[in-house]
PDB file of N, CA and C in Angstrom:
ATOM      1  N   MET A   1       0.846  -1.068  -0.077  1.00  0.00           N
ATOM      2  CA  MET A   1      -0.049   0.012   0.004  1.00  0.00           C
ATOM      3  C   MET A   1       0.834   1.259  -0.094  1.00  0.00           C
ATOM      4  N   VAL A   2       0.529   2.279  -0.802  1.00  0.00           N
ATOM      5  CA  VAL A   2       1.250   3.353  -0.770  1.00  0.00           C
ATOM      6  C   VAL A   2       1.545   3.984   0.562  1.00  0.00           C
ATOM      7  N   SER A   3       0.539   4.247   1.515  1.00  0.00           N
ATOM      8  CA  SER A   3       0.860   4.821   2.626  1.00  0.00           C
ATOM      9  C   SER A   3       1.822   4.137   3.477  1.00  0.00           C
ATOM     10  N   ASP A   4       1.870   2.890   3.422  1.00  0.00           N
ATOM     11  CA  ASP A   4       2.883   2.095   4.101  1.00  0.00           C
ATOM     12  C   ASP A   4       4.285   2.306   3.581  1.00  0.00           C
ATOM     13  N   ARG A   5       4.317   2.406   2.336  1.00  0.00           N
ATOM     14  CA  ARG A   5       5.638   2.853   1.608  1.00  0.00           C
ATOM     15  C   ARG A   5       6.279   4.302   2.140  1.00  0.00           C
ATOM     16  N   ILE A   6       5.198   5.164   2.374  1.00  0.00           N
ATOM     17  CA  ILE A   6       5.643   6.370   2.640  1.00  0.00           C
ATOM     18  C   ILE A   6       5.996   6.588   4.072  1.00  0.00           C
ATOM     19  N   VAL A   7       5.343   5.912   4.965  1.00  0.00           N
ATOM     20  CA  VAL A   7       5.695   5.774   6.214  1.00  0.00           C
ATOM     21  C   VAL A   7       7.018   5.142   6.502  1.00  0.00           C
ATOM     22  N   GLY A   8       7.330   4.046   5.802  1.00  0.00           N
ATOM     23  CA  GLY A   8       8.379   3.165   5.895  1.00  0.00           C
ATOM     24  C   GLY A   8       9.706   3.958   5.385  1.00  0.00           C
ATOM     25  N   SER A   9       9.344   4.857   4.246  1.00  0.00           N
ATOM     26  CA  SER A   9      10.412   5.680   3.670  1.00  0.00           C
ATOM     27  C   SER A   9      10.895   6.748   4.757  1.00  0.00           C
ATOM     28  N   LEU A  10      10.008   7.403   5.475  1.00  0.00           N
ATOM     29  CA  LEU A  10      10.294   8.280   6.527  1.00  0.00           C
ATOM     30  C   LEU A  10      11.077   7.763   7.660  1.00  0.00           C
ATOM     31  N   TRP A  11      10.533   6.617   8.089  1.00  0.00           N
ATOM     32  CA  TRP A  11      11.306   5.802   9.156  1.00  0.00           C
ATOM     33  C   TRP A  11      12.769   5.472   8.789  1.00  0.00           C
ATOM     34  N   GLN A  12      12.830   5.230   7.500  1.00  0.00           N
ATOM     35  CA  GLN A  12      14.295   4.987   7.135  1.00  0.00           C
ATOM     36  C   GLN A  12      15.122   5.960   7.259  1.00  0.00           C
ATOM     37  N   LYS A  13      14.690   7.250   7.056  1.00  0.00           N
ATOM     38  CA  LYS A  13      15.537   8.382   7.022  1.00  0.00           C
ATOM     39  C   LYS A  13      15.487   9.007   8.560  1.00  0.00           C
ATOM     40  N   ASP A  14      15.179   8.092   9.598  1.00  0.00           N
ATOM     41  CA  ASP A  14      15.291   8.555  10.812  1.00  0.00           C
ATOM     42  C   ASP A  14      14.250   9.536  11.352  1.00  0.00           C
ATOM     43  N   TYR A  15      12.935   9.612  10.533  1.00  0.00           N
ATOM     44  CA  TYR A  15      11.939  10.410  11.068  1.00  0.00           C
ATOM     45  C   TYR A  15      11.294   9.762  12.170  1.00  0.00           C
ATOM     46  N   LYS A  16      11.102  10.201  13.404  1.00  0.00           N
ATOM     47  CA  LYS A  16      10.439   9.752  14.464  1.00  0.00           C
ATOM     48  C   LYS A  16       9.026  10.383  14.891  1.00  0.00           C
ATOM     49  N   GLY A  17       8.647  11.311  14.157  1.00  0.00           N
ATOM     50  CA  GLY A  17       7.451  11.995  14.636  1.00  0.00           C
ATOM     51  C   GLY A  17       6.228  11.299  13.986  1.00  0.00           C
ATOM     52  N   THR A  18       4.844  11.845  14.352  1.00  0.00           N
ATOM     53  CA  THR A  18       3.654  11.222  14.103  1.00  0.00           C
ATOM     54  C   THR A  18       3.508  11.379  12.626  1.00  0.00           C
ATOM     55  N   VAL A  19       2.859  10.546  11.908  1.00  0.00           N
ATOM     56  CA  VAL A  19       2.614  10.527  10.403  1.00  0.00           C
ATOM     57  C   VAL A  19       1.095  10.302  10.220  1.00  0.00           C
ATOM     58  N   GLU A  20       0.450  11.251   9.546  1.00  0.00           N
ATOM     59  CA  GLU A  20      -1.025  10.889   9.131  1.00  0.00           C
ATOM     60  C   GLU A  20      -1.100  11.339   7.816  1.00  0.00           C
ATOM     61  N   ILE A  21      -1.806  10.213   7.206  1.00  0.00           N
ATOM     62  CA  ILE A  21      -2.030  10.329   5.752  1.00  0.00           C
ATOM     63  C   ILE A  21      -3.543  10.318   5.460  1.00  0.00           C
ATOM     64  N   THR A  22      -3.900  11.455   4.716  1.00  0.00           N
ATOM     65  CA  THR A  22      -5.338  11.620   4.378  1.00  0.00           C
ATOM     66  C   THR A  22      -5.532  11.313   2.753  1.00  0.00           C
ATOM     67  N   LEU A  23      -6.247  10.282   2.725  1.00  0.00           N
ATOM     68  CA  LEU A  23      -6.380   9.917   1.029  1.00  0.00           C
ATOM     69  C   LEU A  23      -7.471  10.789   0.427  1.00  0.00           C
ATOM     70  N   MET A  24      -7.438  11.057  -0.795  1.00  0.00           N
ATOM     71  CA  MET A  24      -8.264  11.806  -1.661  1.00  0.00           C
ATOM     72  C   MET A  24      -9.616  11.288  -1.778  1.00  0.00           C
ATOM     73  N   LYS A  25     -10.006  10.334  -1.079  1.00  0.00           N
ATOM     74  CA  LYS A  25     -11.353   9.742  -1.158  1.00  0.00           C
ATOM     75  C   LYS A  25     -12.250  10.899  -0.383  1.00  0.00           C
ATOM     76  N   LYS A  26     -11.729  11.847   0.354  1.00  0.00           N
ATOM     77  CA  LYS A  26     -12.543  12.816   1.065  1.00  0.00           C
ATOM     78  C   LYS A  26     -12.743  13.873   0.236  1.00  0.00           C
ATOM     79  N   ALA A  27     -13.822  14.660   0.498  1.00  0.00           N
ATOM     80  CA  ALA A  27     -13.988  15.776  -0.403  1.00  0.00           C
ATOM     81  C   ALA A  27     -13.087  16.765  -0.237  1.00  0.00           C
ATOM     82  N   ILE A  28     -12.772  17.588  -1.330  1.00  0.00           N
ATOM     83  CA  ILE A  28     -11.765  18.725  -1.317  1.00  0.00           C
ATOM     84  C   ILE A  28     -12.138  19.682  -0.026  1.00  0.00           C
ATOM     85  N   GLU A  29     -13.402  20.107  -0.128  1.00  0.00           N
ATOM     86  CA  GLU A  29     -13.908  20.994   0.976  1.00  0.00           C
ATOM     87  C   GLU A  29     -13.639  20.524   2.279  1.00  0.00           C
ATOM     88  N   SER A  30     -13.662  19.198   2.596  1.00  0.00           N
ATOM     89  CA  SER A  30     -13.286  18.573   3.964  1.00  0.00           C
ATOM     90  C   SER A  30     -11.754  18.791   4.258  1.00  0.00           C
ATOM     91  N   LEU A  31     -11.113  18.477   3.326  1.00  0.00           N
ATOM     92  CA  LEU A  31      -9.519  18.607   3.337  1.00  0.00           C
ATOM     93  C   LEU A  31      -9.198  20.159   3.668  1.00  0.00           C
ATOM     94  N   ARG A  32      -9.784  21.136   3.154  1.00  0.00           N
ATOM     95  CA  ARG A  32      -9.715  22.425   3.423  1.00  0.00           C
ATOM     96  C   ARG A  32      -9.946  22.902   4.710  1.00  0.00           C
ATOM     97  N   ARG A  33     -10.992  22.167   5.148  1.00  0.00           N
ATOM     98  CA  ARG A  33     -11.433  22.629   6.503  1.00  0.00           C
ATOM     99  C   ARG A  33     -10.392  22.090   7.515  1.00  0.00           C
ATOM    100  N   ARG A  34     -10.057  20.792   7.278  1.00  0.00           N
ATOM    101  CA  ARG A  34      -8.920  20.237   8.240  1.00  0.00           C
ATOM    102  C   ARG A  34      -7.657  20.988   8.185  1.00  0.00           C
ATOM    103  N   ILE A  35      -7.240  21.426   7.013  1.00  0.00           N
ATOM    104  CA  ILE A  35      -6.087  22.255   6.819  1.00  0.00           C
ATOM    105  C   ILE A  35      -6.182  23.536   7.571  1.00  0.00           C
ATOM    106  N   LYS A  36      -7.234  24.320   7.453  1.00  0.00           N
ATOM    107  CA  LYS A  36      -7.671  25.529   8.112  1.00  0.00           C
ATOM    108  C   LYS A  36      -7.598  25.531   9.608  1.00  0.00           C
ATOM    109  N   LEU A  37      -8.270  24.197  10.153  1.00  0.00           N
ATOM    110  CA  LEU A  37      -8.140  23.894  11.579  1.00  0.00           C
ATOM    111  C   LEU A  37      -6.789  23.793  11.975  1.00  0.00           C
ATOM    112  N   TRP A  38      -5.817  22.874  11.129  1.00  0.00           N
ATOM    113  CA  TRP A  38      -4.577  22.761  11.649  1.00  0.00           C
ATOM    114  C   TRP A  38      -3.775  24.067  11.743  1.00  0.00           C
ATOM    115  N   MET A  39      -4.063  24.983  10.784  1.00  0.00           N
ATOM    116  CA  MET A  39      -3.404  26.248  10.612  1.00  0.00           C
ATOM    117  C   MET A  39      -3.714  27.189  11.888  1.00  0.00           C
ATOM    118  N   ASP A  40      -5.064  26.961  12.348  1.00  0.00           N
ATOM    119  CA  ASP A  40      -5.370  27.728  13.618  1.00  0.00           C
ATOM    120  C   ASP A  40      -4.846  27.158  14.908  1.00  0.00           C
ATOM    121  N   VAL A  41      -4.511  25.966  15.174  1.00  0.00           N
ATOM    122  CA  VAL A  41      -3.976  25.568  16.125  1.00  0.00           C
ATOM    123  C   VAL A  41      -2.537  25.130  16.307  1.00  0.00           C
ATOM    124  N   THR A  42      -1.972  25.117  15.150  1.00  0.00           N
ATOM    125  CA  THR A  42      -0.533  24.552  14.971  1.00  0.00           C
ATOM    126  C   THR A  42       0.302  25.842  14.939  1.00  0.00           C
ATOM    127  N   ARG A  43       1.407  26.022  15.910  1.00  0.00           N
ATOM    128  CA  ARG A  43       2.273  27.112  15.534  1.00  0.00           C
ATOM    129  C   ARG A  43       3.691  26.536  15.274  1.00  0.00           C
ATOM    130  N   ALA A  44       4.447  27.475  14.770  1.00  0.00           N
ATOM    131  CA  ALA A  44       5.941  26.884  14.301  1.00  0.00           C
ATOM    132  C   ALA A  44       6.513  26.238  15.446  1.00  0.00           C
ATOM    133  N   PRO A  45       7.310  25.223  15.308  1.00  0.00           N
ATOM    134  CA  PRO A  45       7.786  24.797  13.987  1.00  0.00           C
ATOM    135  C   PRO A  45       6.836  23.616  13.422  1.00  0.00           C
ATOM    136  N   GLY A  46       5.596  23.841  13.408  1.00  0.00           N
ATOM    137  CA  GLY A  46       4.648  22.718  12.888  1.00  0.00           C
ATOM    138  C   GLY A  46       4.952  22.537  11.271  1.00  0.00           C
ATOM    139  N   ASN A  47       4.706  21.297  10.906  1.00  0.00           N
ATOM    140  CA  ASN A  47       5.109  21.102   9.540  1.00  0.00           C
ATOM    141  C   ASN A  47       3.805  20.394   8.943  1.00  0.00           C
ATOM    142  N   LEU A  48       3.676  20.497   7.877  1.00  0.00           N
ATOM    143  CA  LEU A  48       2.506  19.702   6.955  1.00  0.00           C
ATOM    144  C   LEU A  48       3.145  19.373   5.644  1.00  0.00           C
ATOM    145  N   LEU A  49       2.795  18.085   5.173  1.00  0.00           N
ATOM    146  CA  LEU A  49       3.075  17.667   3.822  1.00  0.00           C
ATOM    147  C   LEU A  49       1.878  17.227   3.010  1.00  0.00           C
ATOM    148  N   LEU A  50       1.498  18.120   2.119  1.00  0.00           N
ATOM    149  CA  LEU A  50       0.333  17.813   1.497  1.00  0.00           C
ATOM    150  C   LEU A  50       0.695  17.317  -0.058  1.00  0.00           C
ATOM    151  N   ILE A  51       0.189  16.334  -0.477  1.00  0.00           N
ATOM    152  CA  ILE A  51       0.505  15.793  -1.838  1.00  0.00           C
ATOM    153  C   ILE A  51      -0.739  15.702  -2.501  1.00  0.00           C
ATOM    154  N   SER A  52      -0.972  16.601  -3.494  1.00  0.00           N
ATOM    155  CA  SER A  52      -2.231  16.554  -4.396  1.00  0.00           C
ATOM    156  C   SER A  52      -2.133  16.602  -5.837  1.00  0.00           C
ATOM    157  N   GLY A  53      -2.765  15.988  -6.554  1.00  0.00           N
ATOM    158  CA  GLY A  53      -2.830  16.013  -7.914  1.00  0.00           C
ATOM    159  C   GLY A  53      -4.061  16.820  -8.257  1.00  0.00           C
ATOM    160  N   GLY A  54      -4.993  17.014  -7.397  1.00  0.00           N
ATOM    161  CA  GLY A  54      -6.214  17.636  -7.805  1.00  0.00           C
ATOM    162  C   GLY A  54      -6.124  19.134  -7.600  1.00  0.00           C
ATOM    163  N   GLY A  55      -7.025  19.983  -8.147  1.00  0.00           N
ATOM    164  CA  GLY A  55      -7.100  21.229  -8.181  1.00  0.00           C
ATOM    165  C   GLY A  55      -7.939  21.829  -6.953  1.00  0.00           C
ATOM    166  N   GLY A  56      -7.989  23.041  -6.818  1.00  0.00           N
ATOM    167  CA  GLY A  56      -8.767  23.603  -5.747  1.00  0.00           C
ATOM    168  C   GLY A  56      -8.090  24.014  -4.629  1.00  0.00           C
ATOM    169  N   PHE A  57      -6.797  23.759  -4.369  1.00  0.00           N
ATOM    170  CA  PHE A  57      -5.995  24.096  -3.223  1.00  0.00           C
ATOM    171  C   PHE A  57      -5.222  25.253  -3.354  1.00  0.00           C
ATOM    172  N   ALA A  58      -5.280  25.982  -4.488  1.00  0.00           N
ATOM    173  CA  ALA A  58      -4.126  27.089  -4.668  1.00  0.00           C
ATOM    174  C   ALA A  58      -4.306  27.994  -3.464  1.00  0.00           C
ATOM    175  N   LEU A  59      -5.415  28.649  -3.101  1.00  0.00           N
ATOM    176  CA  LEU A  59      -5.550  29.597  -2.174  1.00  0.00           C
ATOM    177  C   LEU A  59      -5.071  29.122  -0.760  1.00  0.00           C
ATOM    178  N   THR A  60      -5.441  27.735  -0.526  1.00  0.00           N
ATOM    179  CA  THR A  60      -5.010  27.135   0.851  1.00  0.00           C
ATOM    180  C   THR A  60      -3.540  26.924   0.803  1.00  0.00           C
ATOM    181  N   LEU A  61      -2.692  26.578  -0.270  1.00  0.00           N
ATOM    182  CA  LEU A  61      -1.393  26.423  -0.267  1.00  0.00           C
ATOM    183  C   LEU A  61      -0.652  27.781  -0.202  1.00  0.00           C
ATOM    184  N   MET A  62      -1.230  28.952  -0.855  1.00  0.00           N
ATOM    185  CA  MET A  62      -0.752  30.240  -0.668  1.00  0.00           C
ATOM    186  C   MET A  62      -0.761  30.773   0.729  1.00  0.00           C
ATOM    187  N   ASP A  63      -1.731  30.455   1.541  1.00  0.00           N
ATOM    188  CA  ASP A  63      -1.783  30.723   2.831  1.00  0.00           C
ATOM    189  C   ASP A  63      -0.814  30.062   3.612  1.00  0.00           C
ATOM    190  N   LEU A  64      -0.722  28.704   3.457  1.00  0.00           N
ATOM    191  CA  LEU A  64       0.263  27.950   4.144  1.00  0.00           C
ATOM    192  C   LEU A  64       1.644  28.482   4.085  1.00  0.00           C
ATOM    193  N   GLU A  65       1.987  28.910   2.677  1.00  0.00           N
ATOM    194  CA  GLU A  65       3.364  29.547   2.323  1.00  0.00           C
ATOM    195  C   GLU A  65       3.592  30.723   2.997  1.00  0.00           C
ATOM    196  N   LYS A  66       2.576  31.478   3.147  1.00  0.00           N
ATOM    197  CA  LYS A  66       2.459  33.005   3.676  1.00  0.00           C
ATOM    198  C   LYS A  66       2.782  32.822   5.204  1.00  0.00           C
ATOM    199  N   PHE A  67       1.958  32.017   5.826  1.00  0.00           N
ATOM    200  CA  PHE A  67       1.777  32.023   7.327  1.00  0.00           C
ATOM    201  C   PHE A  67       2.596  30.706   8.150  1.00  0.00           C
ATOM    202  N   PHE A  68       2.999  30.031   7.269  1.00  0.00           N
ATOM    203  CA  PHE A  68       3.812  28.855   7.984  1.00  0.00           C
ATOM    204  C   PHE A  68       5.064  28.616   7.071  1.00  0.00           C
ATOM    205  N   PRO A  69       6.205  29.432   7.313  1.00  0.00           N
ATOM    206  CA  PRO A  69       7.283  29.209   6.492  1.00  0.00           C
ATOM    207  C   PRO A  69       8.070  28.034   6.671  1.00  0.00           C
ATOM    208  N   ASN A  70       7.655  27.329   7.828  1.00  0.00           N
ATOM    209  CA  ASN A  70       8.402  26.068   8.165  1.00  0.00           C
ATOM    210  C   ASN A  70       7.709  24.840   7.468  1.00  0.00           C
ATOM    211  N   ALA A  71       6.471  25.151   6.921  1.00  0.00           N
ATOM    212  CA  ALA A  71       5.548  23.909   6.261  1.00  0.00           C
ATOM    213  C   ALA A  71       6.298  23.362   5.099  1.00  0.00           C
ATOM    214  N   ILE A  72       6.195  22.192   4.912  1.00  0.00           N
ATOM    215  CA  ILE A  72       6.829  21.342   3.864  1.00  0.00           C
ATOM    216  C   ILE A  72       5.539  21.020   2.927  1.00  0.00           C
ATOM    217  N   LEU A  73       5.818  21.618   1.637  1.00  0.00           N
ATOM    218  CA  LEU A  73       4.610  21.578   0.571  1.00  0.00           C
ATOM    219  C   LEU A  73       5.002  20.897  -0.658  1.00  0.00           C
ATOM    220  N   THR A  74       4.189  19.811  -0.973  1.00  0.00           N
ATOM    221  CA  THR A  74       4.582  19.309  -2.138  1.00  0.00           C
ATOM    222  C   THR A  74       3.084  19.283  -3.023  1.00  0.00           C
ATOM    223  N   TYR A  75       3.227  19.747  -4.252  1.00  0.00           N
ATOM    224  CA  TYR A  75       1.979  19.975  -4.918  1.00  0.00           C
ATOM    225  C   TYR A  75       2.289  19.850  -6.413  1.00  0.00           C
ATOM    226  N   ASN A  76       1.303  19.580  -7.248  1.00  0.00           N
ATOM    227  CA  ASN A  76       1.410  19.751  -8.541  1.00  0.00           C
ATOM    228  C   ASN A  76       1.477  21.186  -9.078  1.00  0.00           C
ATOM    229  N   GLU A  77       2.370  21.471  -9.984  1.00  0.00           N
ATOM    230  CA  GLU A  77       2.582  22.712 -10.589  1.00  0.00           C
ATOM    231  C   GLU A  77       1.295  23.281 -11.208  1.00  0.00           C
ATOM    232  N   ALA A  78       0.307  22.291 -11.690  1.00  0.00           N
ATOM    233  CA  ALA A  78      -0.926  22.888 -12.379  1.00  0.00           C
ATOM    234  C   ALA A  78      -1.834  23.434 -11.397  1.00  0.00           C
ATOM    235  N   LEU A  79      -1.585  23.351 -10.000  1.00  0.00           N
ATOM    236  CA  LEU A  79      -2.552  23.862  -9.162  1.00  0.00           C
ATOM    237  C   LEU A  79      -2.427  25.444  -9.142  1.00  0.00           C
ATOM    238  N   PHE A  80      -1.440  25.917  -9.587  1.00  0.00           N
ATOM    239  CA  PHE A  80      -1.198  27.468  -9.586  1.00  0.00           C
ATOM    240  C   PHE A  80      -1.371  28.013 -11.037  1.00  0.00           C
TER     241      PHE A  80
END
């Protein structure tokens, strides 16, 4: 399973933190709400890794880049 490989790769690189993976089976609006909630309660040095091939995240990603300089963002160039 892809999520198992992602977690395994992080652990091989000595990452010891919590890993949460959200699949795109959820609605984009639901993901936006969860990201906004995360932004409201997480302060630096909080990190987020978002991998998305879908559209509709451009404004959310811009907010993350603006307000969370420590955030790790991965996204498809077509989003912008």
